[in-house]
Amino acid sequence: MITISDSAADKIKEMMAAENSQDLYLRIGVRPGGCSGFSYGMEFDGERKEDDQLLEVNGLRVVVDSYSFQFLKGVEIDYREMGMGGGFTIENPNAVATCGCGSSFRMRDLEGVVEKCD
């Protein structure tokens, strides 16, 4: 369902260790907004909600809310060192367009859900 590369998992584990909590989940989701229609979100969360899907991915406990789940099938998350820094990249095979910075995307119409930029 979701793939997290070794380099991304290592970076996420490093960031989690800095939070000094072993009970964190990696929450991945989408929300309406951004120049292409939807924006990705990744954060640490100490709580699993009732409608969350729980996934074990590359040694990480990942939670995805039921709304976001439909948009994230087949997503690949990577971390790349670049020049003077680094960053996470998200490859979504279901996206039909992305913005220049790669932080927002547009999807095909999924099960009657029409995505459009407000």
PDB file of N, CA and C in Angstrom:
ATOM      1  N   MET A   1       0.836  -1.201   0.000  1.00  0.00           N
ATOM      2  CA  MET A   1       0.000   0.000   0.000  1.00  0.00           C
ATOM      3  C   MET A   1       0.870   1.249   0.000  1.00  0.00           C
ATOM      4  N   ILE A   2       1.702   1.438   1.024  1.00  0.00           N
ATOM      5  CA  ILE A   2       2.639   2.560   1.094  1.00  0.00           C
ATOM      6  C   ILE A   2       4.039   1.977   1.237  1.00  0.00           C
ATOM      7  N   THR A   3       4.973   2.516   0.463  1.00  0.00           N
ATOM      8  CA  THR A   3       6.363   2.086   0.554  1.00  0.00           C
ATOM      9  C   THR A   3       7.186   3.233   1.121  1.00  0.00           C
ATOM     10  N   ILE A   4       8.044   2.926   2.083  1.00  0.00           N
ATOM     11  CA  ILE A   4       8.965   3.910   2.641  1.00  0.00           C
ATOM     12  C   ILE A   4      10.366   3.354   2.451  1.00  0.00           C
ATOM     13  N   SER A   5      11.191   4.071   1.711  1.00  0.00           N
ATOM     14  CA  SER A   5      12.544   3.601   1.416  1.00  0.00           C
ATOM     15  C   SER A   5      13.366   3.496   2.696  1.00  0.00           C
ATOM     16  N   ASP A   6      14.464   2.761   2.612  1.00  0.00           N
ATOM     17  CA  ASP A   6      15.355   2.634   3.766  1.00  0.00           C
ATOM     18  C   ASP A   6      15.874   3.998   4.217  1.00  0.00           C
ATOM     19  N   SER A   7      16.259   4.859   3.255  1.00  0.00           N
ATOM     20  CA  SER A   7      16.793   6.176   3.639  1.00  0.00           C
ATOM     21  C   SER A   7      15.721   7.027   4.304  1.00  0.00           C
ATOM     22  N   ALA A   8      14.472   6.953   3.830  1.00  0.00           N
ATOM     23  CA  ALA A   8      13.387   7.712   4.459  1.00  0.00           C
ATOM     24  C   ALA A   8      13.079   7.150   5.844  1.00  0.00           C
ATOM     25  N   ALA A   9      13.042   5.816   5.964  1.00  0.00           N
ATOM     26  CA  ALA A   9      12.763   5.203   7.267  1.00  0.00           C
ATOM     27  C   ALA A   9      13.851   5.571   8.274  1.00  0.00           C
ATOM     28  N   ASP A  10      15.103   5.538   7.840  1.00  0.00           N
ATOM     29  CA  ASP A  10      16.199   5.910   8.736  1.00  0.00           C
ATOM     30  C   ASP A  10      16.061   7.352   9.211  1.00  0.00           C
ATOM     31  N   LYS A  11      15.730   8.255   8.295  1.00  0.00           N
ATOM     32  CA  LYS A  11      15.583   9.669   8.651  1.00  0.00           C
ATOM     33  C   LYS A  11      14.394   9.862   9.605  1.00  0.00           C
ATOM     34  N   ILE A  12      13.288   9.189   9.330  1.00  0.00           N
ATOM     35  CA  ILE A  12      12.108   9.303  10.188  1.00  0.00           C
ATOM     36  C   ILE A  12      12.411   8.762  11.585  1.00  0.00           C
ATOM     37  N   LYS A  13      13.106   7.631  11.662  1.00  0.00           N
ATOM     38  CA  LYS A  13      13.476   7.054  12.960  1.00  0.00           C
ATOM     39  C   LYS A  13      14.401   8.000  13.723  1.00  0.00           C
ATOM     40  N   GLU A  14      15.306   8.642  13.011  1.00  0.00           N
ATOM     41  CA  GLU A  14      16.201   9.627  13.634  1.00  0.00           C
ATOM     42  C   GLU A  14      15.402  10.797  14.206  1.00  0.00           C
ATOM     43  N   MET A  15      14.428  11.273  13.443  1.00  0.00           N
ATOM     44  CA  MET A  15      13.591  12.384  13.890  1.00  0.00           C
ATOM     45  C   MET A  15      12.712  11.961  15.071  1.00  0.00           C
ATOM     46  N   MET A  16      12.204  10.736  15.045  1.00  0.00           N
ATOM     47  CA  MET A  16      11.389  10.234  16.158  1.00  0.00           C
ATOM     48  C   MET A  16      12.226  10.127  17.424  1.00  0.00           C
ATOM     49  N   ALA A  17      13.458   9.660  17.286  1.00  0.00           N
ATOM     50  CA  ALA A  17      14.347   9.536  18.448  1.00  0.00           C
ATOM     51  C   ALA A  17      14.583  10.897  19.088  1.00  0.00           C
ATOM     52  N   ALA A  18      14.659  11.933  18.275  1.00  0.00           N
ATOM     53  CA  ALA A  18      14.853  13.288  18.797  1.00  0.00           C
ATOM     54  C   ALA A  18      13.637  13.765  19.583  1.00  0.00           C
ATOM     55  N   GLU A  19      12.476  13.172  19.341  1.00  0.00           N
ATOM     56  CA  GLU A  19      11.245  13.518  20.070  1.00  0.00           C
ATOM     57  C   GLU A  19      11.201  12.853  21.445  1.00  0.00           C
ATOM     58  N   ASN A  20      12.136  11.946  21.716  1.00  0.00           N
ATOM     59  CA  ASN A  20      12.225  11.236  23.006  1.00  0.00           C
ATOM     60  C   ASN A  20      10.948  10.503  23.379  1.00  0.00           C
ATOM     61  N   SER A  21      10.298   9.872  22.399  1.00  0.00           N
ATOM     62  CA  SER A  21       9.105   9.085  22.681  1.00  0.00           C
ATOM     63  C   SER A  21       9.104   7.865  21.776  1.00  0.00           C
ATOM     64  N   GLN A  22       8.916   6.707  22.372  1.00  0.00           N
ATOM     65  CA  GLN A  22       8.864   5.459  21.616  1.00  0.00           C
ATOM     66  C   GLN A  22       7.435   5.125  21.180  1.00  0.00           C
ATOM     67  N   ASP A  23       6.462   5.899  21.633  1.00  0.00           N
ATOM     68  CA  ASP A  23       5.062   5.582  21.384  1.00  0.00           C
ATOM     69  C   ASP A  23       4.454   6.390  20.248  1.00  0.00           C
ATOM     70  N   LEU A  24       5.268   6.914  19.363  1.00  0.00           N
ATOM     71  CA  LEU A  24       4.750   7.742  18.278  1.00  0.00           C
ATOM     72  C   LEU A  24       4.426   6.924  17.032  1.00  0.00           C
ATOM     73  N   TYR A  25       3.400   7.368  16.342  1.00  0.00           N
ATOM     74  CA  TYR A  25       3.062   6.856  15.023  1.00  0.00           C
ATOM     75  C   TYR A  25       3.524   7.898  14.007  1.00  0.00           C
ATOM     76  N   LEU A  26       3.789   7.448  12.799  1.00  0.00           N
ATOM     77  CA  LEU A  26       3.972   8.366  11.682  1.00  0.00           C
ATOM     78  C   LEU A  26       2.611   8.499  11.026  1.00  0.00           C
ATOM     79  N   ARG A  27       2.039   9.689  11.065  1.00  0.00           N
ATOM     80  CA  ARG A  27       0.741   9.933  10.444  1.00  0.00           C
ATOM     81  C   ARG A  27       0.976  10.515   9.058  1.00  0.00           C
ATOM     82  N   ILE A  28       0.410   9.846   8.050  1.00  0.00           N
ATOM     83  CA  ILE A  28       0.500  10.311   6.671  1.00  0.00           C
ATOM     84  C   ILE A  28      -0.918  10.582   6.203  1.00  0.00           C
ATOM     85  N   GLY A  29      -1.133  11.730   5.563  1.00  0.00           N
ATOM     86  CA  GLY A  29      -2.468  12.054   5.096  1.00  0.00           C
ATOM     87  C   GLY A  29      -2.452  13.042   3.960  1.00  0.00           C
ATOM     88  N   VAL A  30      -3.630  13.316   3.474  1.00  0.00           N
ATOM     89  CA  VAL A  30      -3.826  14.351   2.467  1.00  0.00           C
ATOM     90  C   VAL A  30      -4.948  15.254   2.935  1.00  0.00           C
ATOM     91  N   ARG A  31      -4.926  16.472   2.447  1.00  0.00           N
ATOM     92  CA  ARG A  31      -6.007  17.416   2.755  1.00  0.00           C
ATOM     93  C   ARG A  31      -6.215  18.315   1.537  1.00  0.00           C
ATOM     94  N   PRO A  32      -7.434  18.761   1.345  1.00  0.00           N
ATOM     95  CA  PRO A  32      -7.683  19.689   0.240  1.00  0.00           C
ATOM     96  C   PRO A  32      -6.850  20.950   0.405  1.00  0.00           C
ATOM     97  N   GLY A  33      -6.306  21.422  -0.687  1.00  0.00           N
ATOM     98  CA  GLY A  33      -5.514  22.651  -0.653  1.00  0.00           C
ATOM     99  C   GLY A  33      -4.276  22.523  -1.506  1.00  0.00           C
ATOM    100  N   GLY A  34      -3.552  23.579  -1.594  1.00  0.00           N
ATOM    101  CA  GLY A  34      -2.372  23.601  -2.452  1.00  0.00           C
ATOM    102  C   GLY A  34      -2.743  24.005  -3.855  1.00  0.00           C
ATOM    103  N   CYS A  35      -1.776  24.339  -4.630  1.00  0.00           N
ATOM    104  CA  CYS A  35      -2.052  24.877  -5.965  1.00  0.00           C
ATOM    105  C   CYS A  35      -2.581  23.828  -6.940  1.00  0.00           C
ATOM    106  N   SER A  36      -2.398  22.527  -6.644  1.00  0.00           N
ATOM    107  CA  SER A  36      -2.889  21.488  -7.551  1.00  0.00           C
ATOM    108  C   SER A  36      -4.138  20.776  -7.044  1.00  0.00           C
ATOM    109  N   GLY A  37      -4.597  21.067  -5.840  1.00  0.00           N
ATOM    110  CA  GLY A  37      -5.834  20.480  -5.338  1.00  0.00           C
ATOM    111  C   GLY A  37      -5.731  19.810  -3.988  1.00  0.00           C
ATOM    112  N   PHE A  38      -4.673  19.019  -3.761  1.00  0.00           N
ATOM    113  CA  PHE A  38      -4.475  18.324  -2.495  1.00  0.00           C
ATOM    114  C   PHE A  38      -3.039  18.508  -2.038  1.00  0.00           C
ATOM    115  N   SER A  39      -2.833  18.483  -0.727  1.00  0.00           N
ATOM    116  CA  SER A  39      -1.491  18.567  -0.152  1.00  0.00           C
ATOM    117  C   SER A  39      -1.237  17.350   0.725  1.00  0.00           C
ATOM    118  N   TYR A  40      -0.001  16.888   0.721  1.00  0.00           N
ATOM    119  CA  TYR A  40       0.412  15.792   1.589  1.00  0.00           C
ATOM    120  C   TYR A  40       0.733  16.329   2.976  1.00  0.00           C
ATOM    121  N   GLY A  41       0.583  15.477   3.959  1.00  0.00           N
ATOM    122  CA  GLY A  41       0.991  15.817   5.311  1.00  0.00           C
ATOM    123  C   GLY A  41       1.652  14.616   5.969  1.00  0.00           C
ATOM    124  N   MET A  42       2.744  14.861   6.672  1.00  0.00           N
ATOM    125  CA  MET A  42       3.408  13.828   7.466  1.00  0.00           C
ATOM    126  C   MET A  42       3.757  14.454   8.800  1.00  0.00           C
ATOM    127  N   GLU A  43       3.407  13.756   9.882  1.00  0.00           N
ATOM    128  CA  GLU A  43       3.711  14.259  11.216  1.00  0.00           C
ATOM    129  C   GLU A  43       3.755  13.093  12.182  1.00  0.00           C
ATOM    130  N   PHE A  44       4.274  13.341  13.354  1.00  0.00           N
ATOM    131  CA  PHE A  44       4.267  12.338  14.409  1.00  0.00           C
ATOM    132  C   PHE A  44       3.008  12.542  15.241  1.00  0.00           C
ATOM    133  N   ASP A  45       2.431  11.430  15.671  1.00  0.00           N
ATOM    134  CA  ASP A  45       1.207  11.484  16.456  1.00  0.00           C
ATOM    135  C   ASP A  45       1.281  10.405  17.527  1.00  0.00           C
ATOM    136  N   GLY A  46       0.948  10.757  18.731  1.00  0.00           N
ATOM    137  CA  GLY A  46       0.946   9.803  19.826  1.00  0.00           C
ATOM    138  C   GLY A  46      -0.367   9.070  19.968  1.00  0.00           C
ATOM    139  N   GLU A  47      -1.309   9.365  19.095  1.00  0.00           N
ATOM    140  CA  GLU A  47      -2.657   8.831  19.235  1.00  0.00           C
ATOM    141  C   GLU A  47      -3.115   8.189  17.930  1.00  0.00           C
ATOM    142  N   ARG A  48      -3.754   7.053  18.053  1.00  0.00           N
ATOM    143  CA  ARG A  48      -4.379   6.392  16.897  1.00  0.00           C
ATOM    144  C   ARG A  48      -5.882   6.609  16.995  1.00  0.00           C
ATOM    145  N   LYS A  49      -6.463   7.170  15.960  1.00  0.00           N
ATOM    146  CA  LYS A  49      -7.897   7.468  15.959  1.00  0.00           C
ATOM    147  C   LYS A  49      -8.703   6.257  15.466  1.00  0.00           C
ATOM    148  N   GLU A  50      -9.987   6.286  15.757  1.00  0.00           N
ATOM    149  CA  GLU A  50     -10.852   5.154  15.450  1.00  0.00           C
ATOM    150  C   GLU A  50     -10.881   4.804  13.963  1.00  0.00           C
ATOM    151  N   ASP A  51     -10.852   5.796  13.089  1.00  0.00           N
ATOM    152  CA  ASP A  51     -10.950   5.519  11.652  1.00  0.00           C
ATOM    153  C   ASP A  51      -9.586   5.346  10.972  1.00  0.00           C
ATOM    154  N   ASP A  52      -8.503   5.272  11.747  1.00  0.00           N
ATOM    155  CA  ASP A  52      -7.169   5.106  11.184  1.00  0.00           C
ATOM    156  C   ASP A  52      -6.904   3.675  10.732  1.00  0.00           C
ATOM    157  N   GLN A  53      -6.214   3.568   9.617  1.00  0.00           N
ATOM    158  CA  GLN A  53      -5.641   2.298   9.188  1.00  0.00           C
ATOM    159  C   GLN A  53      -4.240   2.239   9.782  1.00  0.00           C
ATOM    160  N   LEU A  54      -3.867   1.141  10.394  1.00  0.00           N
ATOM    161  CA  LEU A  54      -2.532   0.968  10.956  1.00  0.00           C
ATOM    162  C   LEU A  54      -1.726   0.087  10.020  1.00  0.00           C
ATOM    163  N   LEU A  55      -0.564   0.576   9.621  1.00  0.00           N
ATOM    164  CA  LEU A  55       0.331  -0.162   8.737  1.00  0.00           C
ATOM    165  C   LEU A  55       1.696  -0.267   9.406  1.00  0.00           C
ATOM    166  N   GLU A  56       2.370  -1.372   9.193  1.00  0.00           N
ATOM    167  CA  GLU A  56       3.761  -1.533   9.612  1.00  0.00           C
ATOM    168  C   GLU A  56       4.579  -1.443   8.329  1.00  0.00           C
ATOM    169  N   VAL A  57       5.376  -0.390   8.201  1.00  0.00           N
ATOM    170  CA  VAL A  57       6.135  -0.174   6.982  1.00  0.00           C
ATOM    171  C   VAL A  57       7.592   0.097   7.336  1.00  0.00           C
ATOM    172  N   ASN A  58       8.463  -0.778   6.915  1.00  0.00           N
ATOM    173  CA  ASN A  58       9.904  -0.611   7.095  1.00  0.00           C
ATOM    174  C   ASN A  58      10.275  -0.264   8.543  1.00  0.00           C
ATOM    175  N   GLY A  59       9.650  -0.978   9.484  1.00  0.00           N
ATOM    176  CA  GLY A  59       9.956  -0.779  10.894  1.00  0.00           C
ATOM    177  C   GLY A  59       9.250   0.396  11.543  1.00  0.00           C
ATOM    178  N   LEU A  60       8.324   1.017  10.840  1.00  0.00           N
ATOM    179  CA  LEU A  60       7.587   2.177  11.360  1.00  0.00           C
ATOM    180  C   LEU A  60       6.113   1.829  11.519  1.00  0.00           C
ATOM    181  N   ARG A  61       5.511   2.364  12.585  1.00  0.00           N
ATOM    182  CA  ARG A  61       4.060   2.261  12.752  1.00  0.00           C
ATOM    183  C   ARG A  61       3.447   3.481  12.071  1.00  0.00           C
ATOM    184  N   VAL A  62       2.722   3.234  10.983  1.00  0.00           N
ATOM    185  CA  VAL A  62       2.158   4.305  10.165  1.00  0.00           C
ATOM    186  C   VAL A  62       0.641   4.270  10.307  1.00  0.00           C
ATOM    187  N   VAL A  63       0.041   5.449  10.524  1.00  0.00           N
ATOM    188  CA  VAL A  63      -1.413   5.549  10.546  1.00  0.00           C
ATOM    189  C   VAL A  63      -1.873   6.478   9.433  1.00  0.00           C
ATOM    190  N   VAL A  64      -2.987   6.075   8.815  1.00  0.00           N
ATOM    191  CA  VAL A  64      -3.584   6.844   7.727  1.00  0.00           C
ATOM    192  C   VAL A  64      -5.080   6.896   7.981  1.00  0.00           C
ATOM    193  N   ASP A  65      -5.657   8.096   7.996  1.00  0.00           N
ATOM    194  CA  ASP A  65      -7.103   8.210   8.212  1.00  0.00           C
ATOM    195  C   ASP A  65      -7.852   7.666   6.995  1.00  0.00           C
ATOM    196  N   SER A  66      -9.103   7.293   7.191  1.00  0.00           N
ATOM    197  CA  SER A  66      -9.872   6.647   6.124  1.00  0.00           C
ATOM    198  C   SER A  66     -10.057   7.539   4.898  1.00  0.00           C
ATOM    199  N   TYR A  67     -10.164   8.844   5.070  1.00  0.00           N
ATOM    200  CA  TYR A  67     -10.295   9.758   3.930  1.00  0.00           C
ATOM    201  C   TYR A  67      -9.031   9.721   3.082  1.00  0.00           C
ATOM    202  N   SER A  68      -7.874   9.822   3.710  1.00  0.00           N
ATOM    203  CA  SER A  68      -6.600   9.879   2.992  1.00  0.00           C
ATOM    204  C   SER A  68      -6.226   8.543   2.365  1.00  0.00           C
ATOM    205  N   PHE A  69      -6.677   7.460   2.971  1.00  0.00           N
ATOM    206  CA  PHE A  69      -6.289   6.119   2.538  1.00  0.00           C
ATOM    207  C   PHE A  69      -6.516   5.910   1.042  1.00  0.00           C
ATOM    208  N   GLN A  70      -7.641   6.377   0.528  1.00  0.00           N
ATOM    209  CA  GLN A  70      -7.974   6.171  -0.888  1.00  0.00           C
ATOM    210  C   GLN A  70      -7.009   6.878  -1.835  1.00  0.00           C
ATOM    211  N   PHE A  71      -6.352   7.935  -1.376  1.00  0.00           N
ATOM    212  CA  PHE A  71      -5.457   8.719  -2.222  1.00  0.00           C
ATOM    213  C   PHE A  71      -4.000   8.254  -2.147  1.00  0.00           C
ATOM    214  N   LEU A  72      -3.701   7.373  -1.216  1.00  0.00           N
ATOM    215  CA  LEU A  72      -2.306   7.023  -0.950  1.00  0.00           C
ATOM    216  C   LEU A  72      -1.920   5.609  -1.382  1.00  0.00           C
ATOM    217  N   LYS A  73      -2.789   4.913  -2.083  1.00  0.00           N
ATOM    218  CA  LYS A  73      -2.479   3.563  -2.543  1.00  0.00           C
ATOM    219  C   LYS A  73      -1.316   3.596  -3.527  1.00  0.00           C
ATOM    220  N   GLY A  74      -0.265   2.866  -3.193  1.00  0.00           N
ATOM    221  CA  GLY A  74       0.896   2.781  -4.074  1.00  0.00           C
ATOM    222  C   GLY A  74       1.924   3.885  -3.899  1.00  0.00           C
ATOM    223  N   VAL A  75       1.728   4.766  -2.919  1.00  0.00           N
ATOM    224  CA  VAL A  75       2.645   5.886  -2.689  1.00  0.00           C
ATOM    225  C   VAL A  75       4.014   5.370  -2.242  1.00  0.00           C
ATOM    226  N   GLU A  76       5.059   5.992  -2.764  1.00  0.00           N
ATOM    227  CA  GLU A  76       6.432   5.685  -2.378  1.00  0.00           C
ATOM    228  C   GLU A  76       7.064   6.931  -1.776  1.00  0.00           C
ATOM    229  N   ILE A  77       7.555   6.802  -0.545  1.00  0.00           N
ATOM    230  CA  ILE A  77       8.186   7.920   0.161  1.00  0.00           C
ATOM    231  C   ILE A  77       9.682   7.652   0.237  1.00  0.00           C
ATOM    232  N   ASP A  78      10.459   8.647  -0.131  1.00  0.00           N
ATOM    233  CA  ASP A  78      11.913   8.520  -0.116  1.00  0.00           C
ATOM    234  C   ASP A  78      12.493   9.752   0.574  1.00  0.00           C
ATOM    235  N   TYR A  79      13.740   9.655   0.970  1.00  0.00           N
ATOM    236  CA  TYR A  79      14.471  10.800   1.514  1.00  0.00           C
ATOM    237  C   TYR A  79      15.764  10.906   0.736  1.00  0.00           C
ATOM    238  N   ARG A  80      16.044  12.103   0.229  1.00  0.00           N
ATOM    239  CA  ARG A  80      17.240  12.316  -0.576  1.00  0.00           C
ATOM    240  C   ARG A  80      18.038  13.473  -0.026  1.00  0.00           C
ATOM    241  N   GLU A  81      19.330  13.234   0.111  1.00  0.00           N
ATOM    242  CA  GLU A  81      20.258  14.311   0.469  1.00  0.00           C
ATOM    243  C   GLU A  81      20.536  15.100  -0.808  1.00  0.00           C
ATOM    244  N   MET A  82      20.432  16.421  -0.703  1.00  0.00           N
ATOM    245  CA  MET A  82      20.653  17.276  -1.871  1.00  0.00           C
ATOM    246  C   MET A  82      21.467  18.491  -1.460  1.00  0.00           C
ATOM    247  N   GLY A  83      22.559  18.714  -2.121  1.00  0.00           N
ATOM    248  CA  GLY A  83      23.343  19.912  -1.887  1.00  0.00           C
ATOM    249  C   GLY A  83      23.579  20.194  -0.425  1.00  0.00           C
ATOM    250  N   MET A  84      22.959  21.251   0.071  1.00  0.00           N
ATOM    251  CA  MET A  84      23.152  21.689   1.456  1.00  0.00           C
ATOM    252  C   MET A  84      22.057  21.212   2.390  1.00  0.00           C
ATOM    253  N   GLY A  85      21.311  20.212   1.985  1.00  0.00           N
ATOM    254  CA  GLY A  85      20.240  19.714   2.837  1.00  0.00           C
ATOM    255  C   GLY A  85      19.647  18.451   2.256  1.00  0.00           C
ATOM    256  N   GLY A  86      18.439  18.190   2.593  1.00  0.00           N
ATOM    257  CA  GLY A  86      17.754  17.013   2.096  1.00  0.00           C
ATOM    258  C   GLY A  86      16.269  17.195   2.237  1.00  0.00           C
ATOM    259  N   GLY A  87      15.536  16.218   1.762  1.00  0.00           N
ATOM    260  CA  GLY A  87      14.100  16.324   1.884  1.00  0.00           C
ATOM    261  C   GLY A  87      13.398  15.039   1.489  1.00  0.00           C
ATOM    262  N   PHE A  88      12.166  14.932   1.910  1.00  0.00           N
ATOM    263  CA  PHE A  88      11.336  13.790   1.568  1.00  0.00           C
ATOM    264  C   PHE A  88      10.706  14.022   0.208  1.00  0.00           C
ATOM    265  N   THR A  89      10.590  12.957  -0.558  1.00  0.00           N
ATOM    266  CA  THR A  89       9.887  13.003  -1.829  1.00  0.00           C
ATOM    267  C   THR A  89       8.755  11.985  -1.768  1.00  0.00           C
ATOM    268  N   ILE A  90       7.667  12.299  -2.431  1.00  0.00           N
ATOM    269  CA  ILE A  90       6.517  11.398  -2.474  1.00  0.00           C
ATOM    270  C   ILE A  90       6.155  11.175  -3.930  1.00  0.00           C
ATOM    271  N   GLU A  91       6.203   9.911  -4.328  1.00  0.00           N
ATOM    272  CA  GLU A  91       5.787   9.518  -5.673  1.00  0.00           C
ATOM    273  C   GLU A  91       4.427   8.854  -5.552  1.00  0.00           C
ATOM    274  N   ASN A  92       3.429   9.452  -6.198  1.00  0.00           N
ATOM    275  CA  ASN A  92       2.067   8.940  -6.115  1.00  0.00           C
ATOM    276  C   ASN A  92       1.630   8.514  -7.508  1.00  0.00           C
ATOM    277  N   PRO A  93       1.476   7.207  -7.758  1.00  0.00           N
ATOM    278  CA  PRO A  93       1.092   6.743  -9.090  1.00  0.00           C
ATOM    279  C   PRO A  93      -0.326   7.141  -9.489  1.00  0.00           C
ATOM    280  N   ASN A  94      -1.121   7.595  -8.536  1.00  0.00           N
ATOM    281  CA  ASN A  94      -2.503   7.984  -8.815  1.00  0.00           C
ATOM    282  C   ASN A  94      -2.657   9.460  -9.147  1.00  0.00           C
ATOM    283  N   ALA A  95      -1.604  10.244  -8.948  1.00  0.00           N
ATOM    284  CA  ALA A  95      -1.675  11.683  -9.223  1.00  0.00           C
ATOM    285  C   ALA A  95      -1.590  11.909 -10.727  1.00  0.00           C
ATOM    286  N   VAL A  96      -2.432  12.796 -11.225  1.00  0.00           N
ATOM    287  CA  VAL A  96      -2.400  13.127 -12.653  1.00  0.00           C
ATOM    288  C   VAL A  96      -1.661  14.430 -12.904  1.00  0.00           C
ATOM    289  N   ALA A  97      -1.404  15.207 -11.845  1.00  0.00           N
ATOM    290  CA  ALA A  97      -0.641  16.451 -11.972  1.00  0.00           C
ATOM    291  C   ALA A  97      -0.085  16.813 -10.606  1.00  0.00           C
ATOM    292  N   THR A  98       1.074  17.465 -10.604  1.00  0.00           N
ATOM    293  CA  THR A  98       1.661  17.968  -9.368  1.00  0.00           C
ATOM    294  C   THR A  98       2.100  19.404  -9.587  1.00  0.00           C
ATOM    295  N   CYS A  99       2.271  20.128  -8.497  1.00  0.00           N
ATOM    296  CA  CYS A  99       2.769  21.491  -8.613  1.00  0.00           C
ATOM    297  C   CYS A  99       4.289  21.449  -8.769  1.00  0.00           C
ATOM    298  N   GLY A 100       4.881  22.564  -9.069  1.00  0.00           N
ATOM    299  CA  GLY A 100       6.320  22.640  -9.288  1.00  0.00           C
ATOM    300  C   GLY A 100       7.145  22.217  -8.101  1.00  0.00           C
ATOM    301  N   CYS A 101       6.696  22.517  -6.886  1.00  0.00           N
ATOM    302  CA  CYS A 101       7.478  22.166  -5.693  1.00  0.00           C
ATOM    303  C   CYS A 101       7.217  20.737  -5.239  1.00  0.00           C
ATOM    304  N   GLY A 102       6.198  20.071  -5.788  1.00  0.00           N
ATOM    305  CA  GLY A 102       5.923  18.681  -5.447  1.00  0.00           C
ATOM    306  C   GLY A 102       5.149  18.470  -4.161  1.00  0.00           C
ATOM    307  N   SER A 103       4.662  19.536  -3.536  1.00  0.00           N
ATOM    308  CA  SER A 103       3.952  19.356  -2.266  1.00  0.00           C
ATOM    309  C   SER A 103       2.442  19.276  -2.437  1.00  0.00           C
ATOM    310  N   SER A 104       1.932  19.523  -3.631  1.00  0.00           N
ATOM    311  CA  SER A 104       0.499  19.337  -3.849  1.00  0.00           C
ATOM    312  C   SER A 104       0.287  18.589  -5.164  1.00  0.00           C
ATOM    313  N   PHE A 105      -0.899  18.015  -5.297  1.00  0.00           N
ATOM    314  CA  PHE A 105      -1.176  17.155  -6.448  1.00  0.00           C
ATOM    315  C   PHE A 105      -2.659  17.148  -6.774  1.00  0.00           C
ATOM    316  N   ARG A 106      -2.970  16.662  -7.970  1.00  0.00           N
ATOM    317  CA  ARG A 106      -4.351  16.494  -8.401  1.00  0.00           C
ATOM    318  C   ARG A 106      -4.537  15.015  -8.722  1.00  0.00           C
ATOM    319  N   MET A 107      -5.693  14.483  -8.362  1.00  0.00           N
ATOM    320  CA  MET A 107      -5.994  13.068  -8.551  1.00  0.00           C
ATOM    321  C   MET A 107      -7.056  12.872  -9.605  1.00  0.00           C
ATOM    322  N   ARG A 108      -7.105  11.641 -10.096  1.00  0.00           N
ATOM    323  CA  ARG A 108      -8.238  11.234 -10.922  1.00  0.00           C
ATOM    324  C   ARG A 108      -9.475  11.228 -10.040  1.00  0.00           C
ATOM    325  N   ASP A 109     -10.619  11.271 -10.653  1.00  0.00           N
ATOM    326  CA  ASP A 109     -11.874  11.154  -9.910  1.00  0.00           C
ATOM    327  C   ASP A 109     -11.945   9.746  -9.321  1.00  0.00           C
ATOM    328  N   LEU A 110     -11.983   9.646  -8.010  1.00  0.00           N
ATOM    329  CA  LEU A 110     -12.024   8.344  -7.337  1.00  0.00           C
ATOM    330  C   LEU A 110     -13.383   8.117  -6.716  1.00  0.00           C
ATOM    331  N   GLU A 111     -14.090   7.103  -7.161  1.00  0.00           N
ATOM    332  CA  GLU A 111     -15.344   6.700  -6.574  1.00  0.00           C
ATOM    333  C   GLU A 111     -16.278   7.873  -6.305  1.00  0.00           C
ATOM    334  N   GLY A 112     -16.416   8.745  -7.285  1.00  0.00           N
ATOM    335  CA  GLY A 112     -17.334   9.855  -7.157  1.00  0.00           C
ATOM    336  C   GLY A 112     -16.780  11.064  -6.429  1.00  0.00           C
ATOM    337  N   VAL A 113     -15.544  10.989  -5.972  1.00  0.00           N
ATOM    338  CA  VAL A 113     -14.927  12.136  -5.292  1.00  0.00           C
ATOM    339  C   VAL A 113     -14.313  13.017  -6.366  1.00  0.00           C
ATOM    340  N   VAL A 114     -14.799  14.226  -6.491  1.00  0.00           N
ATOM    341  CA  VAL A 114     -14.268  15.129  -7.495  1.00  0.00           C
ATOM    342  C   VAL A 114     -13.296  16.060  -6.818  1.00  0.00           C
ATOM    343  N   GLU A 115     -12.051  16.048  -7.293  1.00  0.00           N
ATOM    344  CA  GLU A 115     -11.034  16.894  -6.705  1.00  0.00           C
ATOM    345  C   GLU A 115     -10.900  18.157  -7.519  1.00  0.00           C
ATOM    346  N   LYS A 116     -10.935  19.263  -6.885  1.00  0.00           N
ATOM    347  CA  LYS A 116     -10.689  20.523  -7.559  1.00  0.00           C
ATOM    348  C   LYS A 116     -10.103  21.514  -6.588  1.00  0.00           C
ATOM    349  N   CYS A 117      -9.352  22.424  -7.133  1.00  0.00           N
ATOM    350  CA  CYS A 117      -8.696  23.431  -6.338  1.00  0.00           C
ATOM    351  C   CYS A 117      -9.710  24.535  -6.006  1.00  0.00           C
ATOM    352  N   ASP A 118      -9.761  24.945  -4.753  1.00  0.00           N
ATOM    353  CA  ASP A 118     -10.681  26.026  -4.361  1.00  0.00           C
ATOM    354  C   ASP A 118     -10.097  27.383  -4.634  1.00  0.00           C
TER     355      ASP A 118
END
